Amino acid sequence: MREIEIADPGDARLADYRDLTDVALRRVLEPDGGLYIAESAKVIERALAAGHRPRSVLVQDKWRPAVAELLAGDIDTPVYIVASEVAESVTGYAVHRGALAAMHRPAPVPVAELLADARTVVVLEDIVDHTNVGAAFRSAAALGADAVLISARCADPLYRRSVRVSMGTVFQVPWTRLPEWREARGILNDAGFHVAALALSDDAVPLDAFAVDRPERVALLLGAEGDGLSRRALESADTIVTIPMGGGVDSLNVAAATAVALWALSSR
């Protein structure tokens, strides 16, 4: 690997890693600039295994051997070796996991192509919390979803917090962004998917009853906490499904709801 030691936190070569805690600033490079940040050697390993290419790597000396193993044979990717205080000055936080990589984003997959061989997919509408998005991906990977579709306003699954919470499963589960509902509903319909929206409604079908005779191809539709699913999303659904609650609780966190619904469908 091509190692370059850098002592100056103002070095222009570290621009991809600057102010990672500022979400608004990161949008300049992620995703419009074609990059995302992979944090920790384990996440970088999973990104590389998924075929993603690094533009550069920033690593503290302690983690140099782990990165050297990952990039064995790669003589093109620059690896910037920095002290911990330099890493913290550049990124805006203590980089406890020791290594960061600026990765090139893969080209988005057309929705119809992603759905072609899928049987169960998760659709996330306008979930802006990166932690919830990452946790939903982890549930999708663990409980057999074939793909995840996200709305245009949904948080970026490749934002570093989403990747970390997902335990790298954002690289494992195929995903892409949906167009607006008017077009998206037609795509799902043409692919033979029954859209099941998880929401509270007087005429909702309990999840266990829906799972008993689940359609062959199901798109589980989930919305943000608080606002829930939009009117257009609910109008696009074939069935409104609810998870029966007890203890005075009316609903679950979106990631927990994803896990419960996928388990119910897969267990049938």
Protein backbone atom coordinates (compact mmCIF):
# COMPACT_ATOMS: atom_id res chain seq x y z
CA MET A 1 0.00 0.00 0.00
CA ARG A 2 1.09 3.59 -0.61
CA GLU A 3 1.69 5.13 2.83
CA ILE A 4 1.93 8.90 3.31
CA GLU A 5 2.56 10.37 6.76
CA ILE A 6 0.78 13.68 7.40
CA ALA A 7 1.28 15.85 10.48
CA ASP A 8 -0.64 18.97 9.42
CA PRO A 9 -4.44 18.75 9.99
CA GLY A 10 -4.85 21.51 7.40
CA ASP A 11 -3.31 19.40 4.63
CA ALA A 12 -5.56 19.59 1.54
CA ARG A 13 -5.21 15.84 0.96
CA LEU A 14 -7.37 15.25 4.05
CA ALA A 15 -10.33 17.24 2.69
CA ASP A 16 -12.57 14.17 2.32
CA TYR A 17 -12.38 13.58 6.08
CA ARG A 18 -12.90 17.12 7.31
CA ASP A 19 -15.75 17.95 9.73
CA LEU A 20 -17.47 14.57 9.54
CA THR A 21 -19.87 15.57 12.32
CA ASP A 22 -21.41 18.31 10.16
CA VAL A 23 -24.17 16.54 8.19
CA ALA A 24 -24.94 19.59 6.03
CA LEU A 25 -21.31 19.94 5.00
CA ARG A 26 -20.99 16.22 4.31
CA ARG A 27 -23.78 16.49 1.74
CA VAL A 28 -21.33 18.40 -0.46
CA LEU A 29 -19.45 15.13 -0.93
CA GLU A 30 -22.02 12.55 0.20
CA PRO A 31 -23.81 11.49 -1.91
CA ASP A 32 -23.66 14.25 -4.57
CA GLY A 33 -19.89 14.09 -4.79
CA GLY A 34 -19.89 10.34 -5.32
CA LEU A 35 -18.24 9.43 -2.01
CA TYR A 36 -19.10 7.98 1.37
CA ILE A 37 -17.03 7.39 4.50
CA ALA A 38 -16.41 3.87 5.83
CA GLU A 39 -15.39 3.88 9.50
CA SER A 40 -13.26 1.11 11.09
CA ALA A 41 -11.19 -1.65 9.54
CA LYS A 42 -14.14 -4.08 9.77
CA VAL A 43 -16.49 -1.78 7.84
CA ILE A 44 -13.78 -1.03 5.27
CA GLU A 45 -13.27 -4.78 4.87
CA ARG A 46 -16.99 -5.31 4.21
CA ALA A 47 -17.10 -2.42 1.76
CA LEU A 48 -14.15 -3.87 -0.16
CA ALA A 49 -15.77 -7.31 -0.14
CA ALA A 50 -18.87 -5.74 -1.71
CA GLY A 51 -16.70 -4.47 -4.57
CA HIS A 52 -16.54 -0.82 -3.49
CA ARG A 53 -13.35 1.10 -4.33
CA PRO A 54 -11.48 3.40 -1.91
CA ARG A 55 -10.25 6.82 -2.99
CA SER A 56 -8.03 7.08 0.08
CA VAL A 57 -7.69 5.81 3.64
CA LEU A 58 -6.90 7.74 6.81
CA VAL A 59 -5.42 5.64 9.60
CA GLN A 60 -3.70 6.05 12.93
CA ASP A 61 -0.43 4.21 13.33
CA LYS A 62 -1.87 1.65 15.78
CA TRP A 63 -4.21 0.33 13.08
CA ARG A 64 -1.67 0.43 10.25
CA PRO A 65 -1.16 -3.38 10.17
CA ALA A 66 -4.91 -4.06 9.85
CA VAL A 67 -5.24 -1.65 6.95
CA ALA A 68 -2.09 -3.00 5.31
CA GLU A 69 -3.66 -6.46 5.34
CA LEU A 70 -6.88 -5.16 3.77
CA LEU A 71 -5.04 -3.29 1.02
CA ALA A 72 -2.40 -5.92 0.32
CA GLY A 73 -1.43 -5.60 -3.33
CA ASP A 74 -3.11 -2.19 -3.74
CA ILE A 75 -0.38 0.26 -4.73
CA ASP A 76 -2.69 3.00 -6.01
CA THR A 77 -4.81 3.96 -3.00
CA PRO A 78 -3.06 6.55 -0.80
CA VAL A 79 -3.08 5.69 2.90
CA TYR A 80 -2.63 8.76 5.09
CA ILE A 81 -0.95 7.95 8.40
CA VAL A 82 -1.81 10.48 11.10
CA ALA A 83 -1.55 10.89 14.86
CA SER A 84 -4.77 10.58 16.90
CA GLU A 85 -4.85 14.31 17.63
CA VAL A 86 -4.55 15.09 13.91
CA ALA A 87 -7.41 12.68 13.12
CA GLU A 88 -9.58 14.33 15.76
CA SER A 89 -8.73 17.83 14.55
CA VAL A 90 -9.64 16.94 10.98
CA THR A 91 -12.82 14.93 11.57
CA GLY A 92 -14.20 16.81 14.55
CA TYR A 93 -14.41 13.79 16.86
CA ALA A 94 -12.20 11.17 18.51
CA VAL A 95 -11.65 8.45 15.92
CA HIS A 96 -11.67 5.50 18.32
CA ARG A 97 -11.95 2.90 15.57
CA GLY A 98 -8.65 4.06 14.08
CA ALA A 99 -9.34 3.95 10.36
CA LEU A 100 -11.52 5.82 7.87
CA ALA A 101 -11.81 5.35 4.13
CA ALA A 102 -13.27 7.68 1.51
CA MET A 103 -15.05 5.22 -0.76
CA HIS A 104 -16.41 5.70 -4.27
CA ARG A 105 -20.16 5.10 -4.37
CA PRO A 106 -21.32 2.29 -6.65
CA ALA A 107 -23.72 3.21 -9.43
CA PRO A 108 -27.38 2.99 -8.28
CA VAL A 109 -29.28 -0.13 -9.33
CA PRO A 110 -32.52 0.40 -11.31
CA VAL A 111 -35.53 -0.44 -9.12
CA ALA A 112 -36.99 -2.95 -11.60
CA GLU A 113 -33.67 -4.80 -11.77
CA LEU A 114 -33.42 -5.02 -7.98
CA LEU A 115 -36.98 -6.37 -7.72
CA ALA A 116 -36.64 -8.97 -10.47
CA ASP A 117 -35.78 -11.93 -8.23
CA ALA A 118 -36.98 -10.54 -4.89
CA ARG A 119 -39.78 -12.01 -2.80
CA THR A 120 -39.75 -9.76 0.28
CA VAL A 121 -38.58 -6.14 0.24
CA VAL A 122 -38.58 -3.35 2.81
CA VAL A 123 -39.61 0.16 1.74
CA LEU A 124 -38.49 3.04 3.99
CA GLU A 125 -40.31 6.33 3.45
CA ASP A 126 -38.74 9.61 4.60
CA ILE A 127 -36.88 8.18 7.61
CA VAL A 128 -34.39 10.95 8.32
CA ASP A 129 -32.64 9.44 11.34
CA HIS A 130 -29.46 7.69 10.18
CA THR A 131 -29.48 5.41 13.21
CA ASN A 132 -32.95 4.11 12.39
CA VAL A 133 -32.00 3.54 8.76
CA GLY A 134 -28.92 1.55 9.76
CA ALA A 135 -30.88 -0.51 12.29
CA ALA A 136 -33.58 -1.25 9.72
CA PHE A 137 -30.93 -2.54 7.31
CA ARG A 138 -29.53 -4.78 10.04
CA SER A 139 -33.01 -6.25 10.60
CA ALA A 140 -33.47 -6.68 6.86
CA ALA A 141 -30.21 -8.59 6.57
CA ALA A 142 -30.85 -10.77 9.62
CA LEU A 143 -34.44 -11.67 8.80
CA GLY A 144 -34.38 -12.42 5.12
CA ALA A 145 -35.38 -9.29 3.20
CA ASP A 146 -34.16 -9.50 -0.38
CA ALA A 147 -33.79 -5.74 -0.83
CA VAL A 148 -34.46 -2.34 0.71
CA LEU A 149 -36.03 0.54 -1.20
CA ILE A 150 -35.79 4.06 0.18
CA SER A 151 -37.67 7.22 -0.70
CA ALA A 152 -35.98 10.28 -2.15
CA ARG A 153 -36.08 12.06 1.24
CA CYS A 154 -34.90 9.10 3.30
CA ALA A 155 -31.55 9.39 5.09
CA ASP A 156 -28.50 8.07 3.29
CA PRO A 157 -27.74 4.41 4.15
CA LEU A 158 -24.06 5.05 3.38
CA TYR A 159 -23.70 7.90 5.86
CA ARG A 160 -21.11 6.71 8.36
CA ARG A 161 -23.56 6.46 11.29
CA SER A 162 -25.98 4.37 9.24
CA VAL A 163 -23.16 2.08 8.16
CA ARG A 164 -21.88 1.68 11.72
CA VAL A 165 -25.30 0.93 13.24
CA SER A 166 -26.07 -1.52 10.44
CA MET A 167 -22.86 -3.42 11.26
CA GLY A 168 -21.94 -3.15 7.58
CA THR A 169 -25.13 -4.82 6.34
CA VAL A 170 -25.82 -1.81 4.09
CA PHE A 171 -23.17 -3.44 1.87
CA GLN A 172 -24.88 -6.82 2.11
CA VAL A 173 -28.53 -6.03 1.36
CA PRO A 174 -29.21 -4.68 -2.16
CA TRP A 175 -30.86 -1.26 -2.06
CA THR A 176 -31.78 1.70 -4.21
CA ARG A 177 -33.91 4.85 -4.13
CA LEU A 178 -37.50 4.91 -5.32
CA PRO A 179 -39.03 7.63 -7.48
CA GLU A 180 -42.10 9.48 -6.17
CA TRP A 181 -45.13 7.35 -5.27
CA ARG A 182 -47.06 7.93 -8.49
CA GLU A 183 -44.28 6.17 -10.42
CA ALA A 184 -43.10 3.87 -7.64
CA ARG A 185 -46.50 2.25 -7.17
CA GLY A 186 -46.56 1.30 -10.85
CA ILE A 187 -43.10 -0.25 -10.63
CA LEU A 188 -44.06 -2.36 -7.60
CA ASN A 189 -47.34 -3.35 -9.22
CA ASP A 190 -45.67 -4.36 -12.49
CA ALA A 191 -43.23 -6.52 -10.52
CA GLY A 192 -46.14 -8.32 -8.83
CA PHE A 193 -45.63 -6.94 -5.31
CA HIS A 194 -48.39 -6.64 -2.73
CA VAL A 195 -47.71 -3.43 -0.80
CA ALA A 196 -48.33 -3.90 2.94
CA ALA A 197 -48.13 -0.63 4.86
CA LEU A 198 -47.40 -0.85 8.59
CA ALA A 199 -49.66 1.78 10.14
CA LEU A 200 -52.39 2.41 12.66
CA SER A 201 -55.86 2.25 11.13
CA ASP A 202 -59.32 1.11 12.18
CA ASP A 203 -59.45 -1.29 9.25
CA ALA A 204 -55.86 -2.55 9.58
CA VAL A 205 -55.19 -6.29 9.40
CA PRO A 206 -53.21 -7.72 12.36
CA LEU A 207 -49.74 -8.80 11.31
CA ASP A 208 -50.18 -12.42 12.41
CA ALA A 209 -53.37 -12.75 10.33
CA PHE A 210 -51.67 -11.20 7.28
CA ALA A 211 -48.67 -13.52 7.66
CA VAL A 212 -50.81 -16.68 7.74
CA ASP A 213 -51.64 -16.28 4.07
CA ARG A 214 -48.99 -13.86 2.90
CA PRO A 215 -48.87 -12.95 -0.79
CA GLU A 216 -46.03 -14.46 -2.80
CA ARG A 217 -44.27 -11.09 -3.16
CA VAL A 218 -44.56 -8.51 -0.39
CA ALA A 219 -43.26 -4.95 -0.08
CA LEU A 220 -43.30 -3.90 3.59
CA LEU A 221 -43.80 -0.15 3.76
CA LEU A 222 -42.65 1.74 6.87
CA GLY A 223 -42.60 5.44 7.68
CA ALA A 224 -40.87 7.81 10.03
CA GLU A 225 -41.67 7.87 13.72
CA GLY A 226 -44.05 10.65 14.64
CA ASP A 227 -45.36 11.59 11.20
CA GLY A 228 -45.75 8.01 10.02
CA LEU A 229 -46.47 7.20 6.38
CA SER A 230 -47.57 9.92 4.00
CA ARG A 231 -51.08 10.00 2.57
CA ARG A 232 -49.77 9.05 -0.87
CA ALA A 233 -47.93 6.06 0.58
CA LEU A 234 -51.03 4.83 2.38
CA GLU A 235 -53.10 5.29 -0.77
CA SER A 236 -50.56 3.17 -2.64
CA ALA A 237 -50.89 0.27 -0.19
CA ASP A 238 -52.88 -2.87 -0.96
CA THR A 239 -53.26 -3.67 2.74
CA ILE A 240 -52.77 -1.72 5.97
CA VAL A 241 -51.11 -4.01 8.50
CA THR A 242 -50.66 -3.37 12.21
CA ILE A 243 -48.55 -5.02 14.90
CA PRO A 244 -50.82 -5.68 17.93
CA MET A 245 -49.53 -3.76 20.94
CA GLY A 246 -49.95 -4.07 24.69
CA GLY A 247 -48.94 -2.14 27.77
CA GLY A 248 -50.45 1.12 26.54
CA VAL A 249 -47.89 1.36 23.71
CA ASP A 250 -49.33 2.24 20.30
CA SER A 251 -46.31 1.51 18.06
CA LEU A 252 -42.69 0.36 17.88
CA ASN A 253 -39.53 2.06 16.74
CA VAL A 254 -39.30 1.68 12.95
CA ALA A 255 -36.30 -0.65 13.13
CA ALA A 256 -38.03 -2.85 15.71
CA ALA A 257 -41.20 -2.87 13.60
CA THR A 258 -39.13 -3.94 10.59
CA ALA A 259 -37.69 -6.85 12.55
CA VAL A 260 -41.05 -8.01 13.93
CA ALA A 261 -42.78 -7.82 10.54
CA LEU A 262 -39.99 -9.63 8.69
CA TRP A 263 -39.86 -12.36 11.33
CA ALA A 264 -43.60 -12.89 11.07
CA LEU A 265 -43.46 -13.14 7.28
CA SER A 266 -40.37 -15.33 7.13
CA SER A 267 -41.62 -17.72 9.81
CA ARG A 268 -44.53 -18.57 7.51
